[in-house]
C-alpha atoms as a PDB file:
ATOM      1  CA  UNK A   1     100.143 -81.842  94.751  1.00  0.00           C
ATOM      2  CA  UNK A   2     101.161 -78.805  96.906  1.00  0.00           C
ATOM      3  CA  UNK A   3      98.264 -77.262  98.637  1.00  0.00           C
ATOM      4  CA  UNK A   4      96.024 -80.287  98.190  1.00  0.00           C
ATOM      5  CA  UNK A   5      95.915 -81.110 101.791  1.00  0.00           C
ATOM      6  CA  UNK A   6      95.286 -77.467 102.536  1.00  0.00           C
ATOM      7  CA  UNK A   7      92.393 -77.627 100.158  1.00  0.00           C
ATOM      8  CA  UNK A   8      91.002 -80.663 102.026  1.00  0.00           C
ATOM      9  CA  UNK A   9      91.152 -78.957 105.395  1.00  0.00           C
ATOM     10  CA  UNK A  10      89.809 -75.728 104.047  1.00  0.00           C
ATOM     11  CA  UNK A  11      86.778 -77.499 102.463  1.00  0.00           C
ATOM     12  CA  UNK A  12      86.134 -79.606 105.440  1.00  0.00           C
ATOM     13  CA  UNK A  13      86.067 -76.393 107.417  1.00  0.00           C
ATOM     14  CA  UNK A  14      83.437 -75.071 105.018  1.00  0.00           C
ATOM     15  CA  UNK A  15      81.364 -78.235 104.669  1.00  0.00           C
ATOM     16  CA  UNK A  16      78.808 -77.995 107.543  1.00  0.00           C
ATOM     17  CA  UNK A  17      76.750 -74.783 107.461  1.00  0.00           C
ATOM     18  CA  UNK A  18      73.625 -75.873 109.287  1.00  0.00           C
ATOM     19  CA  UNK A  19      72.283 -74.556 112.554  1.00  0.00           C
ATOM     20  CA  UNK A  20      70.390 -76.731 115.092  1.00  0.00           C
ATOM     21  CA  UNK A  21      69.325 -76.609 118.705  1.00  0.00           C
ATOM     22  CA  UNK A  22      71.572 -79.541 119.686  1.00  0.00           C
ATOM     23  CA  UNK A  23      75.320 -79.349 119.305  1.00  0.00           C
ATOM     24  CA  UNK A  24      76.415 -81.162 116.179  1.00  0.00           C
ATOM     25  CA  UNK A  25      79.725 -82.325 117.756  1.00  0.00           C
ATOM     26  CA  UNK A  26      81.495 -82.891 121.015  1.00  0.00           C
ATOM     27  CA  UNK A  27      84.714 -84.121 122.666  1.00  0.00           C
ATOM     28  CA  UNK A  28      85.995 -87.314 121.001  1.00  0.00           C
ATOM     29  CA  UNK A  29      84.650 -86.750 117.547  1.00  0.00           C
ATOM     30  CA  UNK A  30      87.117 -88.110 114.997  1.00  0.00           C
ATOM     31  CA  UNK A  31      87.048 -88.241 111.125  1.00  0.00           C
ATOM     32  CA  UNK A  32      89.376 -89.982 108.729  1.00  0.00           C
ATOM     33  CA  UNK A  33      89.531 -89.215 105.007  1.00  0.00           C
ATOM     34  CA  UNK A  34      91.170 -91.005 102.045  1.00  0.00           C
ATOM     35  CA  UNK A  35      92.352 -88.921  99.125  1.00  0.00           C
ATOM     36  CA  UNK A  36      92.775 -90.026  95.487  1.00  0.00           C
ATOM     37  CA  UNK A  37      94.302 -88.262  92.546  1.00  0.00           C
ATOM     38  CA  UNK A  38      92.426 -88.382  89.246  1.00  0.00           C
ATOM     39  CA  UNK A  39      90.036 -90.949  90.911  1.00  0.00           C
ATOM     40  CA  UNK A  40      92.425 -93.841  90.860  1.00  0.00           C
ATOM     41  CA  UNK A  41      95.887 -93.045  92.484  1.00  0.00           C
ATOM     42  CA  UNK A  42      95.867 -92.999  96.264  1.00  0.00           C
ATOM     43  CA  UNK A  43      97.234 -89.649  97.376  1.00  0.00           C
ATOM     44  CA  UNK A  44      97.037 -89.651 101.099  1.00  0.00           C
ATOM     45  CA  UNK A  45      94.903 -89.399 104.253  1.00  0.00           C
ATOM     46  CA  UNK A  46      93.767 -86.760 106.649  1.00  0.00           C
ATOM     47  CA  UNK A  47      92.170 -86.769 110.089  1.00  0.00           C
ATOM     48  CA  UNK A  48      90.247 -84.327 112.325  1.00  0.00           C
ATOM     49  CA  UNK A  49      89.920 -84.825 116.116  1.00  0.00           C
ATOM     50  CA  UNK A  50      88.160 -82.812 118.738  1.00  0.00           C
ATOM     51  CA  UNK A  51      89.258 -82.555 122.334  1.00  0.00           C
ATOM     52  CA  UNK A  52      88.408 -80.428 125.244  1.00  0.00           C
ATOM     53  CA  UNK A  53      90.745 -78.198 127.239  1.00  0.00           C
ATOM     54  CA  UNK A  54      91.639 -74.732 128.521  1.00  0.00           C
ATOM     55  CA  UNK A  55      93.507 -71.850 127.022  1.00  0.00           C
ATOM     56  CA  UNK A  56      94.329 -68.806 129.222  1.00  0.00           C
ATOM     57  CA  UNK A  57      91.342 -69.494 131.452  1.00  0.00           C
ATOM     58  CA  UNK A  58      88.860 -70.243 128.653  1.00  0.00           C
ATOM     59  CA  UNK A  59      87.083 -73.490 128.173  1.00  0.00           C
ATOM     60  CA  UNK A  60      87.903 -74.534 124.586  1.00  0.00           C
ATOM     61  CA  UNK A  61      87.582 -77.290 121.983  1.00  0.00           C
ATOM     62  CA  UNK A  62      90.988 -78.119 120.768  1.00  0.00           C
ATOM     63  CA  UNK A  63      90.715 -79.376 117.250  1.00  0.00           C
ATOM     64  CA  UNK A  64      93.761 -81.097 115.517  1.00  0.00           C
ATOM     65  CA  UNK A  65      93.807 -81.776 111.763  1.00  0.00           C
ATOM     66  CA  UNK A  66      96.507 -83.908 110.244  1.00  0.00           C
ATOM     67  CA  UNK A  67      97.283 -84.696 106.605  1.00  0.00           C
ATOM     68  CA  UNK A  68      99.908 -86.889 104.945  1.00  0.00           C
ATOM     69  CA  UNK A  69     100.768 -88.319 101.523  1.00  0.00           C
ATOM     70  CA  UNK A  70     101.080 -92.118 100.925  1.00  0.00           C
ATOM     71  CA  UNK A  71     101.933 -94.612  98.230  1.00  0.00           C
ATOM     72  CA  UNK A  72     103.504 -93.486  94.951  1.00  0.00           C
ATOM     73  CA  UNK A  73     102.684 -89.822  95.562  1.00  0.00           C
ATOM     74  CA  UNK A  74     104.905 -89.844  98.669  1.00  0.00           C
ATOM     75  CA  UNK A  75     107.909 -91.009  96.600  1.00  0.00           C
ATOM     76  CA  UNK A  76     108.153 -87.685  94.735  1.00  0.00           C
ATOM     77  CA  UNK A  77     106.182 -85.310  96.894  1.00  0.00           C
ATOM     78  CA  UNK A  78     106.039 -86.078 100.640  1.00  0.00           C
ATOM     79  CA  UNK A  79     103.535 -84.101 102.681  1.00  0.00           C
ATOM     80  CA  UNK A  80     103.126 -83.949 106.444  1.00  0.00           C
ATOM     81  CA  UNK A  81     100.738 -81.246 107.681  1.00  0.00           C
ATOM     82  CA  UNK A  82      99.277 -80.356 110.996  1.00  0.00           C
ATOM     83  CA  UNK A  83      96.616 -77.761 111.749  1.00  0.00           C
ATOM     84  CA  UNK A  84      95.188 -76.863 115.180  1.00  0.00           C
ATOM     85  CA  UNK A  85      92.579 -74.484 116.420  1.00  0.00           C
ATOM     86  CA  UNK A  86      91.348 -73.588 119.893  1.00  0.00           C
ATOM     87  CA  UNK A  87      87.655 -72.583 119.929  1.00  0.00           C
ATOM     88  CA  UNK A  88      85.730 -70.992 122.743  1.00  0.00           C
ATOM     89  CA  UNK A  89      83.011 -73.409 123.777  1.00  0.00           C
ATOM     90  CA  UNK A  90      80.376 -70.752 124.228  1.00  0.00           C
ATOM     91  CA  UNK A  91      81.035 -68.257 121.412  1.00  0.00           C
ATOM     92  CA  UNK A  92      82.544 -70.811 118.932  1.00  0.00           C
ATOM     93  CA  UNK A  93      85.173 -68.193 118.000  1.00  0.00           C
ATOM     94  CA  UNK A  94      88.872 -69.197 117.728  1.00  0.00           C
ATOM     95  CA  UNK A  95      91.603 -67.904 120.102  1.00  0.00           C
ATOM     96  CA  UNK A  96      94.548 -69.596 118.516  1.00  0.00           C
ATOM     97  CA  UNK A  97      95.442 -71.263 115.150  1.00  0.00           C
ATOM     98  CA  UNK A  98      98.490 -73.342 114.395  1.00  0.00           C
ATOM     99  CA  UNK A  99      99.792 -74.237 110.909  1.00  0.00           C
ATOM    100  CA  UNK A 100     102.879 -76.574 110.938  1.00  0.00           C
ATOM    101  CA  UNK A 101     103.423 -78.002 107.515  1.00  0.00           C
ATOM    102  CA  UNK A 102     106.116 -79.757 105.309  1.00  0.00           C
ATOM    103  CA  UNK A 103     104.990 -80.067 101.664  1.00  0.00           C
ATOM    104  CA  UNK A 104     107.761 -81.458  99.459  1.00  0.00           C
ATOM    105  CA  UNK A 105     110.331 -79.474 101.410  1.00  0.00           C
ATOM    106  CA  UNK A 106     108.186 -76.299 101.555  1.00  0.00           C
ATOM    107  CA  UNK A 107     107.837 -75.674 105.249  1.00  0.00           C
ATOM    108  CA  UNK A 108     105.789 -73.282 107.414  1.00  0.00           C
ATOM    109  CA  UNK A 109     105.371 -73.099 111.224  1.00  0.00           C
ATOM    110  CA  UNK A 110     102.951 -70.319 112.049  1.00  0.00           C
ATOM    111  CA  UNK A 111     100.970 -69.494 115.149  1.00  0.00           C
ATOM    112  CA  UNK A 112      98.093 -66.906 115.088  1.00  0.00           C
ATOM    113  CA  UNK A 113      96.560 -65.602 118.213  1.00  0.00           C
ATOM    114  CA  UNK A 114      93.275 -63.821 117.794  1.00  0.00           C
ATOM    115  CA  UNK A 115      91.940 -60.941 119.965  1.00  0.00           C
ATOM    116  CA  UNK A 116      88.217 -61.157 119.161  1.00  0.00           C
ATOM    117  CA  UNK A 117      87.428 -57.968 121.181  1.00  0.00           C
ATOM    118  CA  UNK A 118      90.012 -55.825 119.445  1.00  0.00           C
ATOM    119  CA  UNK A 119      89.656 -57.510 116.050  1.00  0.00           C
ATOM    120  CA  UNK A 120      93.383 -58.327 115.886  1.00  0.00           C
ATOM    121  CA  UNK A 121      95.423 -61.220 114.665  1.00  0.00           C
ATOM    122  CA  UNK A 122      98.941 -61.730 116.056  1.00  0.00           C
ATOM    123  CA  UNK A 123     100.917 -63.817 113.585  1.00  0.00           C
ATOM    124  CA  UNK A 124     104.098 -65.470 114.741  1.00  0.00           C
ATOM    125  CA  UNK A 125     106.184 -66.931 111.862  1.00  0.00           C
ATOM    126  CA  UNK A 126     108.504 -69.246 113.717  1.00  0.00           C
ATOM    127  CA  UNK A 127     110.410 -70.297 110.704  1.00  0.00           C
ATOM    128  CA  UNK A 128     111.242 -66.676 109.793  1.00  0.00           C
ATOM    129  CA  UNK A 129     111.394 -65.532 113.444  1.00  0.00           C
ATOM    130  CA  UNK A 130     108.944 -62.660 112.666  1.00  0.00           C
ATOM    131  CA  UNK A 131     105.953 -61.306 114.395  1.00  0.00           C
ATOM    132  CA  UNK A 132     103.179 -59.132 112.759  1.00  0.00           C
ATOM    133  CA  UNK A 133      99.839 -57.690 113.803  1.00  0.00           C
ATOM    134  CA  UNK A 134      96.831 -57.458 111.445  1.00  0.00           C
ATOM    135  CA  UNK A 135      93.343 -56.009 111.761  1.00  0.00           C
ATOM    136  CA  UNK A 136      90.527 -58.590 111.273  1.00  0.00           C
ATOM    137  CA  UNK A 137      86.858 -58.605 110.591  1.00  0.00           C
ATOM    138  CA  UNK A 138      84.596 -58.951 113.662  1.00  0.00           C
ATOM    139  CA  UNK A 139      83.959 -62.583 114.749  1.00  0.00           C
ATOM    140  CA  UNK A 140      86.723 -63.771 112.494  1.00  0.00           C
ATOM    141  CA  UNK A 141      87.263 -67.505 111.965  1.00  0.00           C
ATOM    142  CA  UNK A 142      90.249 -69.589 110.933  1.00  0.00           C
ATOM    143  CA  UNK A 143      89.899 -72.223 108.225  1.00  0.00           C
ATOM    144  CA  UNK A 144      89.413 -75.122 110.701  1.00  0.00           C
ATOM    145  CA  UNK A 145      87.277 -73.319 113.304  1.00  0.00           C
ATOM    146  CA  UNK A 146      84.750 -72.323 110.625  1.00  0.00           C
ATOM    147  CA  UNK A 147      83.648 -76.004 110.239  1.00  0.00           C
ATOM    148  CA  UNK A 148      82.631 -76.307 113.876  1.00  0.00           C
ATOM    149  CA  UNK A 149      81.218 -72.791 114.160  1.00  0.00           C
ATOM    150  CA  UNK A 150      78.867 -73.130 111.277  1.00  0.00           C
ATOM    151  CA  UNK A 151      77.645 -76.559 112.136  1.00  0.00           C
ATOM    152  CA  UNK A 152      75.936 -75.000 115.133  1.00  0.00           C
ATOM    153  CA  UNK A 153      75.314 -71.326 114.138  1.00  0.00           C
ATOM    154  CA  UNK A 154      73.766 -71.125 110.665  1.00  0.00           C
ATOM    155  CA  UNK A 155      70.288 -72.187 109.699  1.00  0.00           C
ATOM    156  CA  UNK A 156      69.367 -74.706 107.087  1.00  0.00           C
ATOM    157  CA  UNK A 157      65.693 -74.438 107.286  1.00  0.00           C
ATOM    158  CA  UNK A 158      65.526 -71.528 104.874  1.00  0.00           C
ATOM    159  CA  UNK A 159      68.234 -72.838 102.534  1.00  0.00           C
ATOM    160  CA  UNK A 160      67.099 -73.027  98.850  1.00  0.00           C
ATOM    161  CA  UNK A 161      68.934 -74.095  95.805  1.00  0.00           C
ATOM    162  CA  UNK A 162      71.198 -71.171  94.715  1.00  0.00           C
ATOM    163  CA  UNK A 163      71.453 -69.773  98.239  1.00  0.00           C
ATOM    164  CA  UNK A 164      74.877 -68.387  99.100  1.00  0.00           C
ATOM    165  CA  UNK A 165      76.671 -68.336 102.359  1.00  0.00           C
ATOM    166  CA  UNK A 166      79.446 -65.855 103.210  1.00  0.00           C
ATOM    167  CA  UNK A 167      82.098 -66.387 105.905  1.00  0.00           C
ATOM    168  CA  UNK A 168      84.927 -64.097 107.030  1.00  0.00           C
ATOM    169  CA  UNK A 169      88.126 -65.882 107.696  1.00  0.00           C
ATOM    170  CA  UNK A 170      91.763 -65.016 108.370  1.00  0.00           C
ATOM    171  CA  UNK A 171      94.567 -67.069 106.827  1.00  0.00           C
ATOM    172  CA  UNK A 172      98.125 -66.476 105.622  1.00  0.00           C
ATOM    173  CA  UNK A 173      98.167 -62.841 106.855  1.00  0.00           C
ATOM    174  CA  UNK A 174      94.951 -62.037 105.008  1.00  0.00           C
ATOM    175  CA  UNK A 175      91.275 -61.537 105.589  1.00  0.00           C
ATOM    176  CA  UNK A 176      89.384 -63.798 103.238  1.00  0.00           C
ATOM    177  CA  UNK A 177      85.765 -63.524 102.234  1.00  0.00           C
ATOM    178  CA  UNK A 178      84.562 -67.027 101.272  1.00  0.00           C
ATOM    179  CA  UNK A 179      81.405 -67.748  99.285  1.00  0.00           C
ATOM    180  CA  UNK A 180      79.576 -71.126  99.211  1.00  0.00           C
ATOM    181  CA  UNK A 181      76.539 -71.916  97.124  1.00  0.00           C
ATOM    182  CA  UNK A 182      73.863 -74.540  97.983  1.00  0.00           C
ATOM    183  CA  UNK A 183      73.109 -76.964  95.054  1.00  0.00           C
ATOM    184  CA  UNK A 184      70.447 -79.150  96.587  1.00  0.00           C
ATOM    185  CA  UNK A 185      70.143 -82.710  97.848  1.00  0.00           C
ATOM    186  CA  UNK A 186      71.663 -85.970  96.536  1.00  0.00           C
ATOM    187  CA  UNK A 187      72.076 -89.558  97.606  1.00  0.00           C
ATOM    188  CA  UNK A 188      75.696 -90.568  97.203  1.00  0.00           C
ATOM    189  CA  UNK A 189      77.456 -93.961  97.576  1.00  0.00           C
ATOM    190  CA  UNK A 190      80.000 -94.114 100.456  1.00  0.00           C
ATOM    191  CA  UNK A 191      81.990 -96.751 102.229  1.00  0.00           C
ATOM    192  CA  UNK A 192      79.072 -97.015 104.709  1.00  0.00           C
ATOM    193  CA  UNK A 193      76.354 -97.362 102.123  1.00  0.00           C
ATOM    194  CA  UNK A 194      74.149 -94.846 100.331  1.00  0.00           C
ATOM    195  CA  UNK A 195      73.747 -91.533 102.249  1.00  0.00           C
ATOM    196  CA  UNK A 196      71.404 -88.665 101.784  1.00  0.00           C
ATOM    197  CA  UNK A 197      73.622 -85.553 101.417  1.00  0.00           C
ATOM    198  CA  UNK A 198      73.503 -81.792 100.946  1.00  0.00           C
ATOM    199  CA  UNK A 199      75.603 -80.669  97.983  1.00  0.00           C
ATOM    200  CA  UNK A 200      77.528 -77.378  97.756  1.00  0.00           C
ATOM    201  CA  UNK A 201      79.738 -75.411  95.401  1.00  0.00           C
ATOM    202  CA  UNK A 202      82.560 -73.366  97.010  1.00  0.00           C
ATOM    203  CA  UNK A 203      84.040 -70.544  94.984  1.00  0.00           C
ATOM    204  CA  UNK A 204      87.786 -70.567  94.770  1.00  0.00           C
ATOM    205  CA  UNK A 205      90.435 -68.550  92.944  1.00  0.00           C
ATOM    206  CA  UNK A 206      91.185 -69.888  89.502  1.00  0.00           C
ATOM    207  CA  UNK A 207      94.819 -70.158  88.464  1.00  0.00           C
ATOM    208  CA  UNK A 208      97.725 -72.361  89.213  1.00  0.00           C
ATOM    209  CA  UNK A 209      95.852 -74.887  91.387  1.00  0.00           C
ATOM    210  CA  UNK A 210      92.209 -74.811  90.307  1.00  0.00           C
ATOM    211  CA  UNK A 211      90.857 -74.772  86.664  1.00  0.00           C
ATOM    212  CA  UNK A 212      88.101 -72.156  87.416  1.00  0.00           C
ATOM    213  CA  UNK A 213      86.232 -70.500  90.305  1.00  0.00           C
ATOM    214  CA  UNK A 214      83.594 -73.436  90.274  1.00  0.00           C
ATOM    215  CA  UNK A 215      86.179 -76.230  90.415  1.00  0.00           C
ATOM    216  CA  UNK A 216      84.989 -77.622  93.753  1.00  0.00           C
ATOM    217  CA  UNK A 217      81.988 -79.673  94.906  1.00  0.00           C
ATOM    218  CA  UNK A 218      81.331 -81.008  98.386  1.00  0.00           C
ATOM    219  CA  UNK A 219      78.721 -83.198 100.006  1.00  0.00           C
ATOM    220  CA  UNK A 220      77.664 -83.444 103.795  1.00  0.00           C
ATOM    221  CA  UNK A 221      75.309 -85.797 105.419  1.00  0.00           C
ATOM    222  CA  UNK A 222      71.717 -84.608 105.867  1.00  0.00           C
ATOM    223  CA  UNK A 223      71.446 -85.308 109.564  1.00  0.00           C
ATOM    224  CA  UNK A 224      72.251 -83.779 112.906  1.00  0.00           C
ATOM    225  CA  UNK A 225      75.974 -84.587 112.702  1.00  0.00           C
ATOM    226  CA  UNK A 226      76.479 -82.862 109.348  1.00  0.00           C
ATOM    227  CA  UNK A 227      79.324 -85.177 108.441  1.00  0.00           C
ATOM    228  CA  UNK A 228      81.659 -84.134 105.541  1.00  0.00           C
ATOM    229  CA  UNK A 229      81.276 -87.096 103.202  1.00  0.00           C
ATOM    230  CA  UNK A 230      83.145 -86.200  99.950  1.00  0.00           C
ATOM    231  CA  UNK A 231      85.098 -83.327  98.347  1.00  0.00           C
ATOM    232  CA  UNK A 232      85.807 -83.318  94.591  1.00  0.00           C
ATOM    233  CA  UNK A 233      88.279 -80.775  93.176  1.00  0.00           C
ATOM    234  CA  UNK A 234      89.144 -80.158  89.496  1.00  0.00           C
ATOM    235  CA  UNK A 235      92.757 -79.013  89.485  1.00  0.00           C
ATOM    236  CA  UNK A 236      94.835 -77.357  86.818  1.00  0.00           C
ATOM    237  CA  UNK A 237      96.296 -80.769  86.266  1.00  0.00           C
ATOM    238  CA  UNK A 238      94.001 -83.800  87.113  1.00  0.00           C
ATOM    239  CA  UNK A 239      91.597 -83.966  89.948  1.00  0.00           C
ATOM    240  CA  UNK A 240      91.549 -84.649  93.722  1.00  0.00           C
ATOM    241  CA  UNK A 241      88.862 -86.420  95.636  1.00  0.00           C
ATOM    242  CA  UNK A 242      88.589 -86.928  99.460  1.00  0.00           C
ATOM    243  CA  UNK A 243      86.169 -89.407 100.863  1.00  0.00           C
ATOM    244  CA  UNK A 244      85.314 -90.150 104.455  1.00  0.00           C
ATOM    245  CA  UNK A 245      86.420 -93.651 105.360  1.00  0.00           C
ATOM    246  CA  UNK A 246      86.142 -93.655 109.145  1.00  0.00           C
ATOM    247  CA  UNK A 247      84.551 -91.893 112.057  1.00  0.00           C
ATOM    248  CA  UNK A 248      83.850 -92.221 115.807  1.00  0.00           C
ATOM    249  CA  UNK A 249      82.540 -90.150 118.721  1.00  0.00           C
ATOM    250  CA  UNK A 250      79.524 -88.740 116.869  1.00  0.00           C
ATOM    251  CA  UNK A 251      77.078 -86.822 119.015  1.00  0.00           C
ATOM    252  CA  UNK A 252      74.064 -88.209 117.136  1.00  0.00           C
ATOM    253  CA  UNK A 253      73.080 -91.443 115.355  1.00  0.00           C
ATOM    254  CA  UNK A 254      74.241 -91.903 111.726  1.00  0.00           C
ATOM    255  CA  UNK A 255      72.146 -93.881 109.288  1.00  0.00           C
ATOM    256  CA  UNK A 256      72.542 -94.777 105.617  1.00  0.00           C
ATOM    257  CA  UNK A 257      69.674 -94.662 103.220  1.00  0.00           C
ATOM    258  CA  UNK A 258      69.420 -98.479 103.482  1.00  0.00           C
ATOM    259  CA  UNK A 259      68.535 -98.392 107.157  1.00  0.00           C
END
């Protein structure tokens, strides 16, 4: 189960790649997800919350992501993760990223400060008491900020089945080139009723966690909010599924296919 909550946050950060004139989100937006292992065993929950604030004189969105295991899974592999990003409200580029995790005793407490002008990432590993500097790609994103950046910046009007989206991210002391393929539209059943969704296939590294590069599928609502509705992952052992079970503070109305 290690890295499964990371997978959730990472995919949520990838799930909305659709530009629009109106902002897709604002202060007070909140999502809650339920996770299940092999489609029957409850594995945990995760939330994403958007706040407004200031960081070194910049107006920012402060986004906090939390994840934790529950039920039987927690008995033998307890997880408590916290991710934060501080995003410039005008450019939608991150200034700061926080990763504070405890996954079955595997702990990390890392703060990354981004200099978007100099293309640098200043990584402070608090647990190891080390500081390093890395070169980054221009307009670099972290795994949480990407979600909010792409909801507003990329265009869906020209998306066709098979279209690929590429994003430059920085995570765990590495520049990471991520690729996402658009698979088309689909109506899926959710806790809120049937919802028309856009379906995607993220490419991941096959190995210990995932069976193959095309092990992931995700769905987002086809509306102005671009809500992440579901993530399905085929793992090396079993599968993991995350479904949206609660939300509030949406910037636009949300309707199911029955309404």
